[in-house]
């Protein structure tokens, strides 16, 4: 693993999602059902395997602790995970690897077929799983209700983890271990869990519990109702916070006391919500592993999940099948059409030279993605006293520019790894790099892209601005 990349361990129930796409032009003669003429079969990671894939595509080093069967579905999942750069600690599954097979015509689901017997974990390689948890910068428990998160040999190290723990719960799954940093149910899951949890209904020990008891038992889904349920769950589960995803209404982050944080999300027209919860939880875990505070991690995850839905959900990421060259990370969220342009830098103090570069880059294509050096990367390149602004602030300033469509933060010294994930058509550098051999050039050319330079607005420099500011002070 790359020591410069945050290490995220995803623990949970892996599934194989299989989409069988075709066309329907007739009805079966012996029953009033449509006949699907199969055209394409696409296999993709599901459940905890999807969450692990999404975390890996955001630049994290990912270990998936799960249990797969010794069958064709398990072999397919192992191959898909290997292709995504996810390391697997396989605890072994007594039953068949679970599958969700969707029969679809013209993008619309006709039927879902679930395969796989009752859960049963062999428990092999537990020591490898415990070692992985011990080395994590963040842990994501992706619970799909098949029992892995209930294993006592895994719950003990989870409870003792020094790294932040994100728990994506399931109504049929195990309770998060006490001390979990944040649990991430959606609003429907929150309602069902609180209704079925006597401890949450009693609200033991909370000064807020009696005040909001009537709201918890009410059927409403307003912010006050959701906040009251979330506070109850914080106390019942003994977790640090509960982040409730509420679809187009955004995300509500609640602790036992105090006003909740509500994060609005950009409006999405249509889209596919399949996998949005996994995207939200994975983005939260990667952000926490990278050093973000919880509120900042939740804000990033809310925006990421909304864009994920708008771009077609999990199915869109694998629309070309396994091994496709154009797979994009969820942090970029760029559709397949149009010319994608990328540029990179620290952008510590945004000045006129930066704006000129970004505007020129945007004119070369249909979308512009800025690859932004993380705080750790800037410190290595510029010195311990840089950056002057944290990466979250630098990202927001860039996104406020009309010419910038998205910003992807990377942790390495060069954006090469981020470029390999994004695979833009064009990578742009300022004219001061003209004539130089750039490390990005051979990477771009490996998939038919090109590195170019654009005229640089002279006399502008962040370093010079910093020096002048310090002399003036």
Protein backbone atom coordinates (compact mmCIF):
# COMPACT_ATOMS: atom_id res chain seq x y z
CA UNK A 1 0.00 0.00 0.00
CA UNK A 2 1.07 3.60 -0.59
CA UNK A 3 1.98 5.12 2.76
CA UNK A 4 0.99 8.57 1.48
CA UNK A 5 -2.61 7.47 0.92
CA UNK A 6 -5.12 7.18 3.76
CA UNK A 7 -5.91 3.59 4.69
CA UNK A 8 -9.61 2.74 4.90
CA UNK A 9 -10.77 -0.67 6.09
CA UNK A 10 -14.27 -1.61 4.95
CA UNK A 11 -15.87 -4.41 6.95
CA UNK A 12 -19.16 -5.87 5.87
CA UNK A 13 -21.29 -8.07 3.66
CA UNK A 14 -20.14 -8.17 0.04
CA UNK A 15 -22.61 -8.94 -2.75
CA UNK A 16 -22.37 -9.46 -6.49
CA UNK A 17 -24.69 -7.16 -8.41
CA UNK A 18 -25.51 -8.43 -11.89
CA UNK A 19 -27.49 -6.38 -14.39
CA UNK A 20 -29.01 -8.31 -17.30
CA UNK A 21 -30.02 -5.73 -19.90
CA UNK A 22 -32.10 -6.43 -22.95
CA UNK A 23 -35.16 -5.52 -24.95
CA UNK A 24 -38.82 -6.53 -24.68
CA UNK A 25 -40.78 -6.88 -27.90
CA UNK A 26 -43.26 -9.64 -27.13
CA UNK A 27 -45.27 -11.36 -24.40
CA UNK A 28 -44.68 -14.94 -23.34
CA UNK A 29 -47.32 -17.22 -24.99
CA UNK A 30 -47.90 -19.32 -21.86
CA UNK A 31 -48.15 -16.47 -19.32
CA UNK A 32 -48.89 -12.71 -19.45
CA UNK A 33 -45.27 -11.73 -18.79
CA UNK A 34 -42.73 -9.91 -20.99
CA UNK A 35 -39.98 -11.83 -22.75
CA UNK A 36 -36.55 -10.27 -22.22
CA UNK A 37 -34.10 -10.71 -25.09
CA UNK A 38 -30.72 -10.51 -23.37
CA UNK A 39 -28.22 -8.08 -24.88
CA UNK A 40 -25.64 -7.45 -22.16
CA UNK A 41 -24.66 -8.72 -18.70
CA UNK A 42 -22.72 -6.39 -16.41
CA UNK A 43 -21.23 -7.60 -13.13
CA UNK A 44 -20.30 -5.10 -10.46
CA UNK A 45 -19.39 -5.07 -6.76
CA UNK A 46 -22.34 -4.69 -4.42
CA UNK A 47 -22.90 -4.15 -0.72
CA UNK A 48 -19.66 -3.67 1.20
CA UNK A 49 -17.75 -4.43 -2.00
CA UNK A 50 -19.33 -1.37 -3.65
CA UNK A 51 -18.45 0.79 -0.65
CA UNK A 52 -14.84 -0.47 -0.83
CA UNK A 53 -14.69 0.27 -4.56
CA UNK A 54 -16.00 3.80 -4.08
CA UNK A 55 -13.44 4.46 -1.33
CA UNK A 56 -10.64 3.15 -3.55
CA UNK A 57 -11.74 5.37 -6.42
CA UNK A 58 -11.39 8.37 -4.12
CA UNK A 59 -7.68 7.66 -3.71
CA UNK A 60 -7.67 5.65 -0.48
CA UNK A 61 -5.77 2.42 0.09
CA UNK A 62 -8.63 0.04 0.86
CA UNK A 63 -8.83 -3.31 2.61
CA UNK A 64 -12.18 -5.12 2.47
CA UNK A 65 -12.90 -7.56 5.28
CA UNK A 66 -15.76 -9.75 4.09
CA UNK A 67 -16.83 -13.35 3.48
CA UNK A 68 -17.19 -14.83 0.01
CA UNK A 69 -18.20 -18.30 -1.09
CA UNK A 70 -16.10 -20.68 -3.15
CA UNK A 71 -18.29 -20.31 -6.22
CA UNK A 72 -18.53 -18.48 -9.52
CA UNK A 73 -20.05 -15.38 -7.95
CA UNK A 74 -17.29 -15.24 -5.35
CA UNK A 75 -14.61 -15.62 -8.01
CA UNK A 76 -16.18 -12.80 -10.03
CA UNK A 77 -16.25 -10.53 -7.01
CA UNK A 78 -12.61 -11.27 -6.21
CA UNK A 79 -11.64 -10.39 -9.78
CA UNK A 80 -13.64 -7.14 -9.71
CA UNK A 81 -12.12 -6.09 -6.39
CA UNK A 82 -8.61 -6.88 -7.60
CA UNK A 83 -9.20 -4.73 -10.70
CA UNK A 84 -10.20 -1.83 -8.45
CA UNK A 85 -7.06 -2.16 -6.31
CA UNK A 86 -8.97 -3.35 -3.23
CA UNK A 87 -7.16 -5.81 -0.95
CA UNK A 88 -9.45 -8.58 0.31
CA UNK A 89 -9.39 -10.37 3.65
CA UNK A 90 -11.80 -13.22 2.96
CA UNK A 91 -13.29 -14.80 6.09
CA UNK A 92 -15.00 -17.51 4.05
CA UNK A 93 -18.71 -18.05 3.54
CA UNK A 94 -20.37 -21.38 4.27
CA UNK A 95 -23.25 -20.58 1.90
CA UNK A 96 -23.20 -19.31 -1.68
CA UNK A 97 -22.00 -15.77 -2.35
CA UNK A 98 -25.09 -13.54 -2.32
CA UNK A 99 -26.15 -12.10 -5.68
CA UNK A 100 -28.69 -9.51 -6.74
CA UNK A 101 -29.66 -10.06 -10.37
CA UNK A 102 -31.64 -7.28 -12.02
CA UNK A 103 -33.49 -7.98 -15.26
CA UNK A 104 -33.83 -4.69 -17.11
CA UNK A 105 -35.27 -3.48 -20.40
CA UNK A 106 -34.41 -0.06 -21.83
CA UNK A 107 -33.05 1.06 -18.46
CA UNK A 108 -36.13 -0.01 -16.48
CA UNK A 109 -36.12 -2.88 -13.99
CA UNK A 110 -38.51 -5.75 -14.67
CA UNK A 111 -37.55 -8.12 -11.87
CA UNK A 112 -34.89 -8.65 -9.22
CA UNK A 113 -33.69 -12.15 -8.40
CA UNK A 114 -31.82 -12.68 -5.12
CA UNK A 115 -29.48 -15.65 -4.79
CA UNK A 116 -27.39 -17.02 -1.94
CA UNK A 117 -28.23 -19.15 1.04
CA UNK A 118 -28.52 -18.15 4.69
CA UNK A 119 -25.42 -16.37 6.01
CA UNK A 120 -22.74 -18.36 7.77
CA UNK A 121 -19.13 -17.21 8.22
CA UNK A 122 -16.30 -19.70 8.55
CA UNK A 123 -14.17 -17.18 10.43
CA UNK A 124 -10.87 -18.00 8.75
CA UNK A 125 -8.09 -15.40 8.68
CA UNK A 126 -9.60 -13.50 11.62
CA UNK A 127 -6.09 -12.50 12.66
CA UNK A 128 -5.58 -10.82 9.25
CA UNK A 129 -8.81 -8.91 9.71
CA UNK A 130 -7.80 -7.73 13.18
CA UNK A 131 -4.39 -6.64 11.89
CA UNK A 132 -6.05 -4.67 9.08
CA UNK A 133 -8.35 -2.90 11.55
CA UNK A 134 -5.36 -2.03 13.72
CA UNK A 135 -3.62 -0.31 10.78
CA UNK A 136 -6.59 1.72 9.54
CA UNK A 137 -6.84 5.50 9.33
CA UNK A 138 -10.63 5.02 9.26
CA UNK A 139 -13.01 2.06 9.36
CA UNK A 140 -16.30 1.74 7.50
CA UNK A 141 -18.73 -0.95 8.63
CA UNK A 142 -21.02 -1.63 5.67
CA UNK A 143 -23.74 -3.80 7.19
CA UNK A 144 -26.14 -5.56 4.82
CA UNK A 145 -27.79 -7.65 7.50
CA UNK A 146 -25.99 -10.96 6.90
CA UNK A 147 -24.25 -11.23 10.27
CA UNK A 148 -20.64 -10.27 9.69
CA UNK A 149 -20.81 -7.17 11.89
CA UNK A 150 -22.18 -9.27 14.75
CA UNK A 151 -19.07 -11.48 15.07
CA UNK A 152 -17.58 -10.94 18.52
CA UNK A 153 -14.03 -11.47 17.20
CA UNK A 154 -14.52 -8.41 14.99
CA UNK A 155 -16.64 -6.28 17.32
CA UNK A 156 -13.95 -6.22 20.02
CA UNK A 157 -11.27 -4.61 17.82
CA UNK A 158 -13.89 -2.30 16.33
CA UNK A 159 -14.82 -1.07 19.80
CA UNK A 160 -11.12 -0.59 20.65
CA UNK A 161 -10.29 1.15 17.36
CA UNK A 162 -8.26 4.34 17.63
CA UNK A 163 -9.34 5.30 14.13
CA UNK A 164 -12.72 6.90 13.41
CA UNK A 165 -15.45 4.33 12.73
CA UNK A 166 -18.29 5.01 10.29
CA UNK A 167 -21.20 2.56 10.62
CA UNK A 168 -23.64 2.21 7.73
CA UNK A 169 -26.41 0.24 9.48
CA UNK A 170 -29.07 -2.19 8.30
CA UNK A 171 -32.46 -2.72 10.00
CA UNK A 172 -31.66 -6.46 10.30
CA UNK A 173 -28.03 -5.88 11.18
CA UNK A 174 -26.11 -5.58 14.43
CA UNK A 175 -26.04 -2.46 16.56
CA UNK A 176 -22.94 -0.31 16.11
CA UNK A 177 -20.27 -0.87 18.72
CA UNK A 178 -20.27 1.77 21.49
CA UNK A 179 -17.95 4.62 20.66
CA UNK A 180 -18.61 4.51 16.91
CA UNK A 181 -17.82 7.95 15.46
CA UNK A 182 -20.93 8.26 13.31
CA UNK A 183 -23.77 6.03 12.11
CA UNK A 184 -25.30 6.80 8.70
CA UNK A 185 -28.88 5.51 8.34
CA UNK A 186 -31.25 6.93 5.78
CA UNK A 187 -34.48 8.43 7.04
CA UNK A 188 -36.53 5.28 6.50
CA UNK A 189 -33.94 3.11 8.25
CA UNK A 190 -33.84 5.57 11.15
CA UNK A 191 -37.60 5.41 11.57
CA UNK A 192 -37.65 1.60 11.49
CA UNK A 193 -34.71 1.17 13.86
CA UNK A 194 -36.08 3.59 16.45
CA UNK A 195 -39.53 1.98 16.25
CA UNK A 196 -38.00 -1.46 16.91
CA UNK A 197 -35.53 -0.35 19.61
CA UNK A 198 -37.02 -0.21 23.13
CA UNK A 199 -33.95 1.59 24.45
CA UNK A 200 -34.28 4.30 21.82
CA UNK A 201 -37.99 4.62 22.59
CA UNK A 202 -37.25 5.13 26.29
CA UNK A 203 -34.42 7.58 25.52
CA UNK A 204 -32.56 6.68 28.71
CA UNK A 205 -30.33 9.37 30.16
CA UNK A 206 -30.92 12.27 27.77
CA UNK A 207 -32.01 15.70 28.86
CA UNK A 208 -33.52 15.99 25.38
CA UNK A 209 -35.40 12.68 25.53
CA UNK A 210 -38.49 13.73 27.47
CA UNK A 211 -38.71 16.95 25.51
CA UNK A 212 -38.83 15.14 22.17
CA UNK A 213 -40.60 11.89 23.13
CA UNK A 214 -43.79 12.86 21.35
CA UNK A 215 -41.89 13.64 18.16
CA UNK A 216 -40.12 10.27 18.11
CA UNK A 217 -43.37 8.39 18.36
CA UNK A 218 -45.03 10.55 15.71
CA UNK A 219 -45.19 9.45 12.11
CA UNK A 220 -43.86 12.72 10.71
CA UNK A 221 -40.67 13.06 8.71
CA UNK A 222 -40.03 16.76 9.28
CA UNK A 223 -36.65 18.00 10.45
CA UNK A 224 -37.76 18.13 14.09
CA UNK A 225 -39.05 14.54 13.94
CA UNK A 226 -35.88 13.29 12.26
CA UNK A 227 -33.64 15.18 14.69
CA UNK A 228 -35.52 13.76 17.68
CA UNK A 229 -35.17 10.19 16.40
CA UNK A 230 -31.50 10.73 15.62
CA UNK A 231 -30.78 12.01 19.15
CA UNK A 232 -32.55 8.97 20.60
CA UNK A 233 -30.40 6.70 18.47
CA UNK A 234 -27.20 8.47 19.51
CA UNK A 235 -28.00 7.63 23.12
CA UNK A 236 -29.37 4.16 22.52
CA UNK A 237 -26.41 3.10 20.38
CA UNK A 238 -23.86 5.13 22.40
CA UNK A 239 -22.34 6.56 19.24
CA UNK A 240 -20.78 9.98 18.76
CA UNK A 241 -23.28 11.14 16.15
CA UNK A 242 -25.94 10.03 13.69
CA UNK A 243 -25.95 11.39 10.13
CA UNK A 244 -29.34 10.84 8.50
CA UNK A 245 -29.47 10.96 4.71
CA UNK A 246 -32.79 12.45 3.62
CA UNK A 247 -32.64 12.35 -0.18
CA UNK A 248 -33.28 15.72 -1.79
CA UNK A 249 -33.73 17.25 1.70
CA UNK A 250 -30.03 16.78 2.40
CA UNK A 251 -28.32 15.32 5.46
CA UNK A 252 -28.99 15.90 9.14
CA UNK A 253 -26.10 15.39 11.58
CA UNK A 254 -27.20 15.06 15.20
CA UNK A 255 -25.38 14.52 18.46
CA UNK A 256 -26.94 13.81 21.84
CA UNK A 257 -27.29 17.52 22.57
CA UNK A 258 -27.13 20.77 20.67
CA UNK A 259 -28.63 21.94 17.42
CA UNK A 260 -28.28 19.49 14.53
CA UNK A 261 -26.29 20.37 11.42
CA UNK A 262 -28.36 20.24 8.23
CA UNK A 263 -26.42 20.02 4.97
CA UNK A 264 -28.49 20.91 1.88
CA UNK A 265 -27.62 19.20 -1.40
CA UNK A 266 -27.76 20.39 -5.00
CA UNK A 267 -31.02 19.51 -6.78
CA UNK A 268 -30.94 16.35 -8.88
CA UNK A 269 -33.21 15.72 -11.84
CA UNK A 270 -34.05 12.03 -11.97
CA UNK A 271 -31.01 9.85 -11.40
CA UNK A 272 -30.63 6.44 -9.77
CA UNK A 273 -30.34 6.28 -5.96
CA UNK A 274 -28.90 2.74 -6.03
CA UNK A 275 -25.62 2.88 -4.08
CA UNK A 276 -26.06 6.45 -2.83
CA UNK A 277 -25.84 5.34 0.81
CA UNK A 278 -22.62 3.46 0.08
CA UNK A 279 -21.23 6.55 -1.65
CA UNK A 280 -22.15 8.73 1.33
CA UNK A 281 -20.60 6.37 3.88
CA UNK A 282 -17.47 5.73 1.81
CA UNK A 283 -16.87 9.44 1.22
CA UNK A 284 -17.32 10.13 4.94
CA UNK A 285 -14.78 7.44 5.82
CA UNK A 286 -12.20 8.65 3.27
CA UNK A 287 -12.58 12.24 4.45
CA UNK A 288 -12.13 11.26 8.11
CA UNK A 289 -9.12 9.11 7.18
CA UNK A 290 -7.63 12.16 5.45
CA UNK A 291 -7.96 14.26 8.62
CA UNK A 292 -11.24 16.07 8.07
CA UNK A 293 -13.42 16.88 11.06
CA UNK A 294 -16.80 15.15 11.14
CA UNK A 295 -18.89 18.10 9.96
CA UNK A 296 -16.58 18.67 7.00
CA UNK A 297 -16.63 14.97 6.13
CA UNK A 298 -20.43 14.96 6.17
CA UNK A 299 -20.58 18.02 3.92
CA UNK A 300 -18.28 16.38 1.37
CA UNK A 301 -20.25 13.16 1.51
CA UNK A 302 -23.60 14.91 1.03
CA UNK A 303 -22.43 16.63 -2.14
CA UNK A 304 -20.75 13.45 -3.41
CA UNK A 305 -23.84 11.28 -2.89
CA UNK A 306 -26.11 13.81 -4.58
CA UNK A 307 -23.87 13.97 -7.64
CA UNK A 308 -23.58 10.17 -7.60
CA UNK A 309 -27.36 9.87 -7.88
CA UNK A 310 -27.57 12.47 -10.61
CA UNK A 311 -24.97 10.64 -12.68
CA UNK A 312 -26.92 7.38 -12.65
CA UNK A 313 -25.88 5.66 -9.42
CA UNK A 314 -23.82 2.51 -9.17
CA UNK A 315 -24.93 1.10 -12.50
CA UNK A 316 -23.55 4.10 -14.40
CA UNK A 317 -20.07 3.58 -12.95
CA UNK A 318 -19.87 0.14 -14.52
CA UNK A 319 -21.91 0.77 -17.65
CA UNK A 320 -19.06 -0.40 -19.88
CA UNK A 321 -18.50 -3.60 -17.95
CA UNK A 322 -15.51 -4.75 -15.89
CA UNK A 323 -12.13 -3.46 -16.96
CA UNK A 324 -13.55 -0.53 -18.91
CA UNK A 325 -11.01 2.22 -19.44
CA UNK A 326 -13.37 5.12 -18.88
CA UNK A 327 -14.44 4.34 -15.29
CA UNK A 328 -14.41 7.55 -13.25
CA UNK A 329 -14.00 8.14 -9.54
CA UNK A 330 -17.13 9.25 -7.66
CA UNK A 331 -15.29 12.45 -6.70
CA UNK A 332 -15.33 13.59 -10.33
CA UNK A 333 -18.91 12.68 -11.33
CA UNK A 334 -18.51 13.42 -15.00
CA UNK A 335 -20.74 11.88 -17.58
CA UNK A 336 -19.36 9.97 -20.55
CA UNK A 337 -20.19 12.64 -23.12
CA UNK A 338 -18.03 15.62 -23.98
CA UNK A 339 -14.35 16.50 -23.65
CA UNK A 340 -13.03 16.35 -20.09
CA UNK A 341 -10.18 18.75 -19.30
CA UNK A 342 -8.09 18.58 -16.13
CA UNK A 343 -5.50 20.82 -14.55
CA UNK A 344 -3.78 20.70 -11.21
CA UNK A 345 -2.04 22.68 -8.50
CA UNK A 346 -2.03 23.88 -4.91
CA UNK A 347 -4.08 27.09 -5.49
CA UNK A 348 -3.14 28.26 -2.00
CA UNK A 349 -3.80 31.94 -2.70
CA UNK A 350 -5.99 32.21 -5.78
CA UNK A 351 -4.74 35.07 -7.97
CA UNK A 352 -5.29 36.43 -11.49
CA UNK A 353 -2.73 34.03 -12.97
CA UNK A 354 -4.68 31.07 -11.63
CA UNK A 355 -7.98 32.43 -12.95
CA UNK A 356 -6.49 33.01 -16.39
CA UNK A 357 -5.17 29.42 -16.48
CA UNK A 358 -8.50 27.95 -15.37
CA UNK A 359 -10.54 29.97 -17.85
CA UNK A 360 -8.23 28.98 -20.70
CA UNK A 361 -8.37 25.32 -19.68
CA UNK A 362 -12.17 25.35 -19.56
CA UNK A 363 -12.35 26.67 -23.11
CA UNK A 364 -10.55 23.55 -24.33
CA UNK A 365 -13.41 21.18 -23.50
CA UNK A 366 -16.86 20.61 -22.05
CA UNK A 367 -15.95 20.13 -18.38
CA UNK A 368 -13.00 21.21 -16.23
CA UNK A 369 -11.81 19.20 -13.24
CA UNK A 370 -9.17 20.73 -10.97
CA UNK A 371 -6.83 18.22 -9.31
CA UNK A 372 -6.00 19.90 -6.00
CA UNK A 373 -2.97 19.05 -3.84
CA UNK A 374 -4.01 17.98 -0.34
CA UNK A 375 -2.68 19.78 2.72
CA UNK A 376 -0.09 17.05 3.28
CA UNK A 377 1.01 17.21 -0.33
CA UNK A 378 1.40 21.02 -0.23
CA UNK A 379 3.45 20.83 2.97
CA UNK A 380 5.84 18.36 1.37
CA UNK A 381 6.21 20.48 -1.77
CA UNK A 382 6.17 24.00 -0.31
CA UNK A 383 7.36 23.62 3.28
CA UNK A 384 5.89 23.10 6.72
CA UNK A 385 4.39 26.62 6.80
CA UNK A 386 2.15 25.91 3.81
CA UNK A 387 -0.65 25.76 2.86
CA UNK A 388 -2.04 29.02 4.15
CA UNK A 389 -5.58 27.75 3.58
CA UNK A 390 -6.81 24.21 4.31
CA UNK A 391 -7.79 22.00 1.41
CA UNK A 392 -11.51 22.29 2.14
CA UNK A 393 -11.38 26.08 1.85
CA UNK A 394 -9.22 25.95 -1.28
CA UNK A 395 -11.70 23.53 -2.85
CA UNK A 396 -14.70 25.74 -2.10
CA UNK A 397 -13.01 28.84 -3.57
CA UNK A 398 -12.25 26.95 -6.79
CA UNK A 399 -15.79 25.57 -7.04
CA UNK A 400 -17.14 29.12 -6.78
CA UNK A 401 -15.56 29.89 -10.17
CA UNK A 402 -17.96 29.46 -13.08
CA UNK A 403 -15.26 27.81 -15.21
CA UNK A 404 -14.60 24.99 -12.68
CA UNK A 405 -16.97 21.99 -12.77
CA UNK A 406 -15.40 19.85 -10.08
CA UNK A 407 -12.41 19.56 -7.75
CA UNK A 408 -10.64 16.30 -6.83
CA UNK A 409 -8.19 16.36 -3.90
CA UNK A 410 -5.14 14.09 -4.21
CA UNK A 411 -2.47 13.23 -1.67
CA UNK A 412 0.56 12.43 -3.83
CA UNK A 413 3.26 14.86 -4.98
CA UNK A 414 2.00 14.71 -8.58
CA UNK A 415 -1.53 14.18 -9.91
CA UNK A 416 -0.53 11.09 -11.90
CA UNK A 417 -2.58 8.62 -9.81
CA UNK A 418 -5.63 10.91 -9.90
CA UNK A 419 -5.26 11.27 -13.66
CA UNK A 420 -5.18 7.49 -14.08
CA UNK A 421 -8.55 7.31 -12.32
CA UNK A 422 -10.10 10.31 -14.06
CA UNK A 423 -8.64 9.66 -17.55
CA UNK A 424 -9.35 13.13 -18.99
CA UNK A 425 -8.94 13.91 -22.65
CA UNK A 426 -6.66 16.91 -21.97
CA UNK A 427 -4.38 17.92 -19.10
CA UNK A 428 -3.43 21.60 -18.97
CA UNK A 429 -0.34 23.27 -17.49
CA UNK A 430 0.59 26.95 -17.46
CA UNK A 431 2.85 28.36 -20.15
CA UNK A 432 5.78 28.53 -17.72
CA UNK A 433 6.01 24.74 -18.15
CA UNK A 434 6.31 24.98 -21.96
CA UNK A 435 9.16 22.90 -23.36
CA UNK A 436 9.58 20.81 -20.20
CA UNK A 437 9.20 17.05 -19.91
CA UNK A 438 6.13 16.60 -17.73
CA UNK A 439 5.44 13.40 -15.76
CA UNK A 440 1.77 13.63 -16.77
CA UNK A 441 2.49 13.39 -20.52
CA UNK A 442 3.14 9.62 -20.86
CA UNK A 443 0.21 8.89 -18.54
CA UNK A 444 -2.21 10.91 -20.70
CA UNK A 445 -0.92 9.35 -23.90
CA UNK A 446 -1.46 5.84 -22.52
CA UNK A 447 -5.22 6.26 -23.13
CA UNK A 448 -5.01 8.69 -26.04
CA UNK A 449 -5.09 11.94 -24.07
CA UNK A 450 -2.75 14.89 -24.45
CA UNK A 451 -0.89 17.29 -22.15
CA UNK A 452 -0.86 20.92 -23.32
CA UNK A 453 0.25 24.30 -22.03
CA UNK A 454 -1.67 27.55 -22.24
CA UNK A 455 -0.30 31.12 -22.05
CA UNK A 456 0.63 32.07 -18.50
CA UNK A 457 -0.21 35.49 -17.07
CA UNK A 458 3.22 36.70 -16.01
CA UNK A 459 4.12 38.44 -12.77
CA UNK A 460 1.67 36.47 -10.64
CA UNK A 461 2.95 34.06 -8.00
CA UNK A 462 1.55 32.74 -4.74
CA UNK A 463 5.05 32.54 -3.29
CA UNK A 464 5.70 36.20 -4.19
CA UNK A 465 2.38 37.25 -2.66
CA UNK A 466 3.21 35.41 0.56
CA UNK A 467 6.64 37.02 0.77
CA UNK A 468 5.24 40.50 0.13
CA UNK A 469 2.54 39.99 2.74
CA UNK A 470 5.09 38.91 5.31
CA UNK A 471 7.38 41.87 4.55
CA UNK A 472 4.40 44.20 4.81
CA UNK A 473 3.47 42.71 8.17
